[in-house]
All heavy atoms as atom14 arrays in JSON, in Angstrom:
{
  "sequence": "SKNIQVVPLIGPSSLLLALIASGFNGQNFAFHG",
  "atom14_mask": [
    [1, 1, 1, 1, 1, 1, 0, 0, 0, 0, 0, 0, 0, 0],
    [1, 1, 1, 1, 1, 1, 1, 1, 1, 0, 0, 0, 0, 0],
    [1, 1, 1, 1, 1, 1, 1, 1, 0, 0, 0, 0, 0, 0],
    [1, 1, 1, 1, 1, 1, 1, 1, 0, 0, 0, 0, 0, 0],
    [1, 1, 1, 1, 1, 1, 1, 1, 1, 0, 0, 0, 0, 0],
    [1, 1, 1, 1, 1, 1, 1, 0, 0, 0, 0, 0, 0, 0],
    [1, 1, 1, 1, 1, 1, 1, 0, 0, 0, 0, 0, 0, 0],
    [1, 1, 1, 1, 1, 1, 1, 0, 0, 0, 0, 0, 0, 0],
    [1, 1, 1, 1, 1, 1, 1, 1, 0, 0, 0, 0, 0, 0],
    [1, 1, 1, 1, 1, 1, 1, 1, 0, 0, 0, 0, 0, 0],
    [1, 1, 1, 1, 0, 0, 0, 0, 0, 0, 0, 0, 0, 0],
    [1, 1, 1, 1, 1, 1, 1, 0, 0, 0, 0, 0, 0, 0],
    [1, 1, 1, 1, 1, 1, 0, 0, 0, 0, 0, 0, 0, 0],
    [1, 1, 1, 1, 1, 1, 0, 0, 0, 0, 0, 0, 0, 0],
    [1, 1, 1, 1, 1, 1, 1, 1, 0, 0, 0, 0, 0, 0],
    [1, 1, 1, 1, 1, 1, 1, 1, 0, 0, 0, 0, 0, 0],
    [1, 1, 1, 1, 1, 1, 1, 1, 0, 0, 0, 0, 0, 0],
    [1, 1, 1, 1, 1, 0, 0, 0, 0, 0, 0, 0, 0, 0],
    [1, 1, 1, 1, 1, 1, 1, 1, 0, 0, 0, 0, 0, 0],
    [1, 1, 1, 1, 1, 1, 1, 1, 0, 0, 0, 0, 0, 0],
    [1, 1, 1, 1, 1, 0, 0, 0, 0, 0, 0, 0, 0, 0],
    [1, 1, 1, 1, 1, 1, 0, 0, 0, 0, 0, 0, 0, 0],
    [1, 1, 1, 1, 0, 0, 0, 0, 0, 0, 0, 0, 0, 0],
    [1, 1, 1, 1, 1, 1, 1, 1, 1, 1, 1, 0, 0, 0],
    [1, 1, 1, 1, 1, 1, 1, 1, 0, 0, 0, 0, 0, 0],
    [1, 1, 1, 1, 0, 0, 0, 0, 0, 0, 0, 0, 0, 0],
    [1, 1, 1, 1, 1, 1, 1, 1, 1, 0, 0, 0, 0, 0],
    [1, 1, 1, 1, 1, 1, 1, 1, 0, 0, 0, 0, 0, 0],
    [1, 1, 1, 1, 1, 1, 1, 1, 1, 1, 1, 0, 0, 0],
    [1, 1, 1, 1, 1, 0, 0, 0, 0, 0, 0, 0, 0, 0],
    [1, 1, 1, 1, 1, 1, 1, 1, 1, 1, 1, 0, 0, 0],
    [1, 1, 1, 1, 1, 1, 1, 1, 1, 1, 0, 0, 0, 0],
    [1, 1, 1, 1, 0, 0, 0, 0, 0, 0, 0, 0, 0, 0]
  ],
  "atom14_positions": [
    [[3.84, 9.5, -71.77], [4.42, 10.03, -70.53], [5.86, 10.47, -70.71], [6.37, 11.29, -69.95], [4.34, 8.97, -69.41], [5.27, 7.92, -69.63], [0.0, 0.0, 0.0], [0.0, 0.0, 0.0], [0.0, 0.0, 0.0], [0.0, 0.0, 0.0], [0.0, 0.0, 0.0], [0.0, 0.0, 0.0], [0.0, 0.0, 0.0], [0.0, 0.0, 0.0]],
    [[6.53, 9.94, -71.75], [7.91, 10.29, -72.05], [8.02, 11.3, -73.2], [9.1, 11.54, -73.72], [8.71, 9.02, -72.41], [8.86, 8.02, -71.26], [9.59, 6.77, -71.72], [9.81, 5.79, -70.58], [10.76, 6.31, -69.57], [0.0, 0.0, 0.0], [0.0, 0.0, 0.0], [0.0, 0.0, 0.0], [0.0, 0.0, 0.0], [0.0, 0.0, 0.0]],
    [[6.86, 11.86, -73.61], [6.82, 12.84, -74.71], [7.36, 12.28, -76.02], [7.98, 12.99, -76.82], [7.58, 14.12, -74.33], [6.95, 14.84, -73.17], [5.73, 15.02, -73.13], [7.77, 15.26, -72.21], [0.0, 0.0, 0.0], [0.0, 0.0, 0.0], [0.0, 0.0, 0.0], [0.0, 0.0, 0.0], [0.0, 0.0, 0.0], [0.0, 0.0, 0.0]],
    [[7.12, 10.99, -76.24], [7.5, 10.34, -77.49], [6.34, 10.46, -78.47], [5.19, 10.22, -78.09], [7.84, 8.86, -77.25], [9.09, 8.74, -76.36], [8.03, 8.11, -78.56], [9.32, 7.35, -75.8], [0.0, 0.0, 0.0], [0.0, 0.0, 0.0], [0.0, 0.0, 0.0], [0.0, 0.0, 0.0], [0.0, 0.0, 0.0], [0.0, 0.0, 0.0]],
    [[6.62, 10.82, -79.7], [5.55, 10.96, -80.7], [5.01, 9.58, -81.08], [5.76, 8.67, -81.42], [6.06, 11.67, -81.95], [4.97, 11.92, -82.98], [5.47, 12.68, -84.2], [6.6, 13.15, -84.24], [4.61, 12.81, -85.2], [0.0, 0.0, 0.0], [0.0, 0.0, 0.0], [0.0, 0.0, 0.0], [0.0, 0.0, 0.0], [0.0, 0.0, 0.0]],
    [[3.69, 9.45, -81.01], [3.01, 8.21, -81.37], [2.33, 8.4, -82.72], [1.58, 9.35, -82.92], [1.96, 7.84, -80.3], [1.19, 6.59, -80.72], [2.62, 7.63, -78.94], [0.0, 0.0, 0.0], [0.0, 0.0, 0.0], [0.0, 0.0, 0.0], [0.0, 0.0, 0.0], [0.0, 0.0, 0.0], [0.0, 0.0, 0.0], [0.0, 0.0, 0.0]],
    [[2.63, 7.49, -83.66], [2.11, 7.63, -85.03], [1.31, 6.38, -85.4], [1.88, 5.31, -85.62], [3.26, 7.82, -86.04], [2.69, 8.02, -87.45], [4.15, 8.97, -85.65], [0.0, 0.0, 0.0], [0.0, 0.0, 0.0], [0.0, 0.0, 0.0], [0.0, 0.0, 0.0], [0.0, 0.0, 0.0], [0.0, 0.0, 0.0], [0.0, 0.0, 0.0]],
    [[-0.03, 6.47, -85.46], [-0.83, 5.3, -85.87], [-0.85, 5.18, -87.39], [-1.12, 6.16, -88.1], [-2.22, 5.64, -85.32], [-2.27, 7.14, -85.31], [-0.87, 7.62, -85.07], [0.0, 0.0, 0.0], [0.0, 0.0, 0.0], [0.0, 0.0, 0.0], [0.0, 0.0, 0.0], [0.0, 0.0, 0.0], [0.0, 0.0, 0.0], [0.0, 0.0, 0.0]],
    [[-0.55, 4.01, -87.9], [-0.62, 3.76, -89.33], [-2.01, 3.24, -89.7], [-2.71, 2.65, -88.88], [0.45, 2.76, -89.76], [1.9, 3.17, -89.52], [2.85, 2.11, -90.1], [2.21, 4.54, -90.12], [0.0, 0.0, 0.0], [0.0, 0.0, 0.0], [0.0, 0.0, 0.0], [0.0, 0.0, 0.0], [0.0, 0.0, 0.0], [0.0, 0.0, 0.0]],
    [[-2.37, 3.45, -90.95], [-3.68, 3.03, -91.44], [-3.69, 1.54, -91.74], [-2.75, 1.0, -92.31], [-4.04, 3.82, -92.71], [-4.18, 5.31, -92.39], [-5.33, 3.3, -93.34], [-4.3, 6.18, -93.6], [0.0, 0.0, 0.0], [0.0, 0.0, 0.0], [0.0, 0.0, 0.0], [0.0, 0.0, 0.0], [0.0, 0.0, 0.0], [0.0, 0.0, 0.0]],
    [[-4.77, 0.89, -91.33], [-4.91, -0.53, -91.61], [-6.25, -1.05, -91.15], [-7.06, -0.31, -90.58], [0.0, 0.0, 0.0], [0.0, 0.0, 0.0], [0.0, 0.0, 0.0], [0.0, 0.0, 0.0], [0.0, 0.0, 0.0], [0.0, 0.0, 0.0], [0.0, 0.0, 0.0], [0.0, 0.0, 0.0], [0.0, 0.0, 0.0], [0.0, 0.0, 0.0]],
    [[-6.52, -2.33, -91.38], [-7.85, -2.88, -91.1], [-8.12, -3.08, -89.61], [-7.26, -3.54, -88.86], [-7.82, -4.23, -91.83], [-6.38, -4.62, -91.81], [-5.6, -3.35, -91.95], [0.0, 0.0, 0.0], [0.0, 0.0, 0.0], [0.0, 0.0, 0.0], [0.0, 0.0, 0.0], [0.0, 0.0, 0.0], [0.0, 0.0, 0.0], [0.0, 0.0, 0.0]],
    [[-9.33, -2.73, -89.19], [-9.81, -3.02, -87.84], [-11.08, -3.85, -87.99], [-12.07, -3.38, -88.55], [-10.13, -1.73, -87.08], [-10.92, -1.99, -85.94], [0.0, 0.0, 0.0], [0.0, 0.0, 0.0], [0.0, 0.0, 0.0], [0.0, 0.0, 0.0], [0.0, 0.0, 0.0], [0.0, 0.0, 0.0], [0.0, 0.0, 0.0], [0.0, 0.0, 0.0]],
    [[-11.07, -5.07, -87.49], [-12.24, -5.94, -87.65], [-13.46, -5.32, -86.96], [-14.59, -5.46, -87.46], [-11.95, -7.32, -87.05], [-11.65, -7.22, -85.67], [0.0, 0.0, 0.0], [0.0, 0.0, 0.0], [0.0, 0.0, 0.0], [0.0, 0.0, 0.0], [0.0, 0.0, 0.0], [0.0, 0.0, 0.0], [0.0, 0.0, 0.0], [0.0, 0.0, 0.0]],
    [[-13.24, -4.63, -85.86], [-14.38, -4.05, -85.11], [-15.05, -2.95, -85.91], [-16.29, -2.9, -86.01], [-13.9, -3.52, -83.76], [-13.16, -4.52, -82.88], [-12.71, -3.87, -81.59], [-14.03, -5.74, -82.6], [0.0, 0.0, 0.0], [0.0, 0.0, 0.0], [0.0, 0.0, 0.0], [0.0, 0.0, 0.0], [0.0, 0.0, 0.0], [0.0, 0.0, 0.0]],
    [[-14.26, -2.05, -86.47], [-14.85, -0.95, -87.23], [-15.45, -1.44, -88.55], [-16.52, -0.97, -88.96], [-13.81, 0.13, -87.48], [-13.38, 0.92, -86.25], [-12.34, 1.97, -86.61], [-14.57, 1.58, -85.57], [0.0, 0.0, 0.0], [0.0, 0.0, 0.0], [0.0, 0.0, 0.0], [0.0, 0.0, 0.0], [0.0, 0.0, 0.0], [0.0, 0.0, 0.0]],
    [[-14.79, -2.37, -89.21], [-15.34, -2.92, -90.45], [-16.68, -3.59, -90.18], [-17.64, -3.42, -90.94], [-14.36, -3.91, -91.07], [-13.06, -3.33, -91.64], [-12.12, -4.45, -92.05], [-13.35, -2.41, -92.82], [0.0, 0.0, 0.0], [0.0, 0.0, 0.0], [0.0, 0.0, 0.0], [0.0, 0.0, 0.0], [0.0, 0.0, 0.0], [0.0, 0.0, 0.0]],
    [[-16.75, -4.35, -89.09], [-18.0, -5.02, -88.74], [-19.08, -4.01, -88.4], [-20.24, -4.15, -88.82], [-17.77, -5.97, -87.57], [0.0, 0.0, 0.0], [0.0, 0.0, 0.0], [0.0, 0.0, 0.0], [0.0, 0.0, 0.0], [0.0, 0.0, 0.0], [0.0, 0.0, 0.0], [0.0, 0.0, 0.0], [0.0, 0.0, 0.0], [0.0, 0.0, 0.0]],
    [[-18.72, -2.98, -87.64], [-19.7, -1.98, -87.23], [-20.3, -1.24, -88.42], [-21.53, -1.11, -88.53], [-19.05, -0.99, -86.26], [-19.94, 0.18, -85.8], [-21.17, -0.3, -85.08], [-19.13, 1.14, -84.92], [0.0, 0.0, 0.0], [0.0, 0.0, 0.0], [0.0, 0.0, 0.0], [0.0, 0.0, 0.0], [0.0, 0.0, 0.0], [0.0, 0.0, 0.0]],
    [[-19.45, -0.77, -89.32], [-19.97, 0.03, -90.43], [-20.77, -0.82, -91.42], [-21.62, -0.29, -92.15], [-18.85, 0.8, -91.17], [-17.85, -0.16, -91.81], [-18.14, 1.75, -90.22], [-16.76, 0.54, -92.61], [0.0, 0.0, 0.0], [0.0, 0.0, 0.0], [0.0, 0.0, 0.0], [0.0, 0.0, 0.0], [0.0, 0.0, 0.0], [0.0, 0.0, 0.0]],
    [[-20.52, -2.14, -91.41], [-21.25, -3.02, -92.33], [-22.5, -3.63, -91.69], [-23.26, -4.32, -92.36], [-20.33, -4.13, -92.82], [0.0, 0.0, 0.0], [0.0, 0.0, 0.0], [0.0, 0.0, 0.0], [0.0, 0.0, 0.0], [0.0, 0.0, 0.0], [0.0, 0.0, 0.0], [0.0, 0.0, 0.0], [0.0, 0.0, 0.0], [0.0, 0.0, 0.0]],
    [[-22.71, -3.38, -90.4], [-23.8, -4.03, -89.68], [-25.15, -3.37, -89.89], [-26.2, -4.0, -89.75], [-23.5, -4.05, -88.18], [-23.5, -2.73, -87.65], [0.0, 0.0, 0.0], [0.0, 0.0, 0.0], [0.0, 0.0, 0.0], [0.0, 0.0, 0.0], [0.0, 0.0, 0.0], [0.0, 0.0, 0.0], [0.0, 0.0, 0.0], [0.0, 0.0, 0.0]],
    [[-25.15, -2.06, -90.16], [-26.4, -1.31, -90.22], [-26.83, -0.83, -88.84], [-27.94, -0.3, -88.68], [0.0, 0.0, 0.0], [0.0, 0.0, 0.0], [0.0, 0.0, 0.0], [0.0, 0.0, 0.0], [0.0, 0.0, 0.0], [0.0, 0.0, 0.0], [0.0, 0.0, 0.0], [0.0, 0.0, 0.0], [0.0, 0.0, 0.0], [0.0, 0.0, 0.0]],
    [[-25.96, -0.98, -87.84], [-26.29, -0.59, -86.46], [-25.8, 0.83, -86.16], [-25.14, 1.46, -86.99], [-25.67, -1.58, -85.47], [-26.22, -2.97, -85.56], [-25.58, -4.03, -84.93], [-27.38, -3.25, -86.27], [-26.07, -5.33, -84.99], [-27.9, -4.55, -86.34], [-27.23, -5.59, -85.7], [0.0, 0.0, 0.0], [0.0, 0.0, 0.0], [0.0, 0.0, 0.0]],
    [[-26.12, 1.3, -84.96], [-25.76, 2.65, -84.55], [-24.25, 2.83, -84.48], [-23.57, 2.21, -83.66], [-26.38, 2.94, -83.17], [-26.27, 4.39, -82.76], [-25.54, 5.18, -83.36], [-27.01, 4.77, -81.73], [0.0, 0.0, 0.0], [0.0, 0.0, 0.0], [0.0, 0.0, 0.0], [0.0, 0.0, 0.0], [0.0, 0.0, 0.0], [0.0, 0.0, 0.0]],
    [[-23.71, 3.7, -85.32], [-22.28, 3.95, -85.34], [-21.88, 5.18, -84.55], [-20.7, 5.54, -84.52], [0.0, 0.0, 0.0], [0.0, 0.0, 0.0], [0.0, 0.0, 0.0], [0.0, 0.0, 0.0], [0.0, 0.0, 0.0], [0.0, 0.0, 0.0], [0.0, 0.0, 0.0], [0.0, 0.0, 0.0], [0.0, 0.0, 0.0], [0.0, 0.0, 0.0]],
    [[-22.85, 5.85, -83.91], [-22.54, 7.03, -83.1], [-22.5, 6.71, -81.62], [-21.94, 7.47, -80.83], [-23.59, 8.11, -83.35], [-23.6, 8.63, -84.78], [-24.45, 9.86, -84.92], [-24.13, 10.92, -84.4], [-25.55, 9.73, -85.63], [0.0, 0.0, 0.0], [0.0, 0.0, 0.0], [0.0, 0.0, 0.0], [0.0, 0.0, 0.0], [0.0, 0.0, 0.0]],
    [[-23.09, 5.6, -81.23], [-23.09, 5.19, -79.84], [-22.91, 3.68, -79.79], [-23.84, 2.92, -80.09], [-24.41, 5.61, -79.17], [-24.43, 5.31, -77.68], [-23.4, 4.94, -77.09], [-25.58, 5.48, -77.06], [0.0, 0.0, 0.0], [0.0, 0.0, 0.0], [0.0, 0.0, 0.0], [0.0, 0.0, 0.0], [0.0, 0.0, 0.0], [0.0, 0.0, 0.0]],
    [[-21.71, 3.25, -79.46], [-21.42, 1.81, -79.43], [-20.39, 1.52, -78.35], [-19.66, 2.41, -77.89], [-20.92, 1.32, -80.8], [-19.71, 2.04, -81.32], [-18.43, 1.58, -81.03], [-19.84, 3.17, -82.12], [-17.31, 2.25, -81.52], [-18.73, 3.85, -82.6], [-17.46, 3.38, -82.3], [0.0, 0.0, 0.0], [0.0, 0.0, 0.0], [0.0, 0.0, 0.0]],
    [[-20.35, 0.26, -77.93], [-19.4, -0.16, -76.9], [-18.79, -1.5, -77.28], [-19.49, -2.4, -77.74], [-20.1, -0.29, -75.55], [0.0, 0.0, 0.0], [0.0, 0.0, 0.0], [0.0, 0.0, 0.0], [0.0, 0.0, 0.0], [0.0, 0.0, 0.0], [0.0, 0.0, 0.0], [0.0, 0.0, 0.0], [0.0, 0.0, 0.0], [0.0, 0.0, 0.0]],
    [[-17.48, -1.6, -77.09], [-16.78, -2.86, -77.35], [-16.42, -3.5, -76.01], [-15.82, -2.86, -75.14], [-15.51, -2.61, -78.17], [-14.65, -3.84, -78.32], [-15.16, -5.0, -78.88], [-13.33, -3.83, -77.89], [-14.38, -6.13, -79.01], [-12.54, -4.96, -78.03], [-13.05, -6.11, -78.58], [0.0, 0.0, 0.0], [0.0, 0.0, 0.0], [0.0, 0.0, 0.0]],
    [[-16.77, -4.76, -75.85], [-16.61, -5.45, -74.57], [-15.53, -6.53, -74.57], [-15.37, -7.23, -73.57], [-17.95, -6.07, -74.15], [-19.05, -5.06, -74.04], [-19.27, -4.31, -72.91], [-19.98, -4.64, -74.95], [-20.29, -3.49, -73.1], [-20.73, -3.67, -74.33], [0.0, 0.0, 0.0], [0.0, 0.0, 0.0], [0.0, 0.0, 0.0], [0.0, 0.0, 0.0]],
    [[-14.8, -6.65, -75.66], [-13.78, -7.69, -75.71], [-14.41, -9.07, -75.65], [-15.42, -9.34, -76.31], [0.0, 0.0, 0.0], [0.0, 0.0, 0.0], [0.0, 0.0, 0.0], [0.0, 0.0, 0.0], [0.0, 0.0, 0.0], [0.0, 0.0, 0.0], [0.0, 0.0, 0.0], [0.0, 0.0, 0.0], [0.0, 0.0, 0.0], [0.0, 0.0, 0.0]]
  ]
}
């Protein structure tokens, strides 16, 4: 909202690592916390 540049750095995400290693649908998924 303040026009500040946001830069995401690369690093581990437990959710994505779990998803890609699960053998489940990686094109349609939902995270519920």
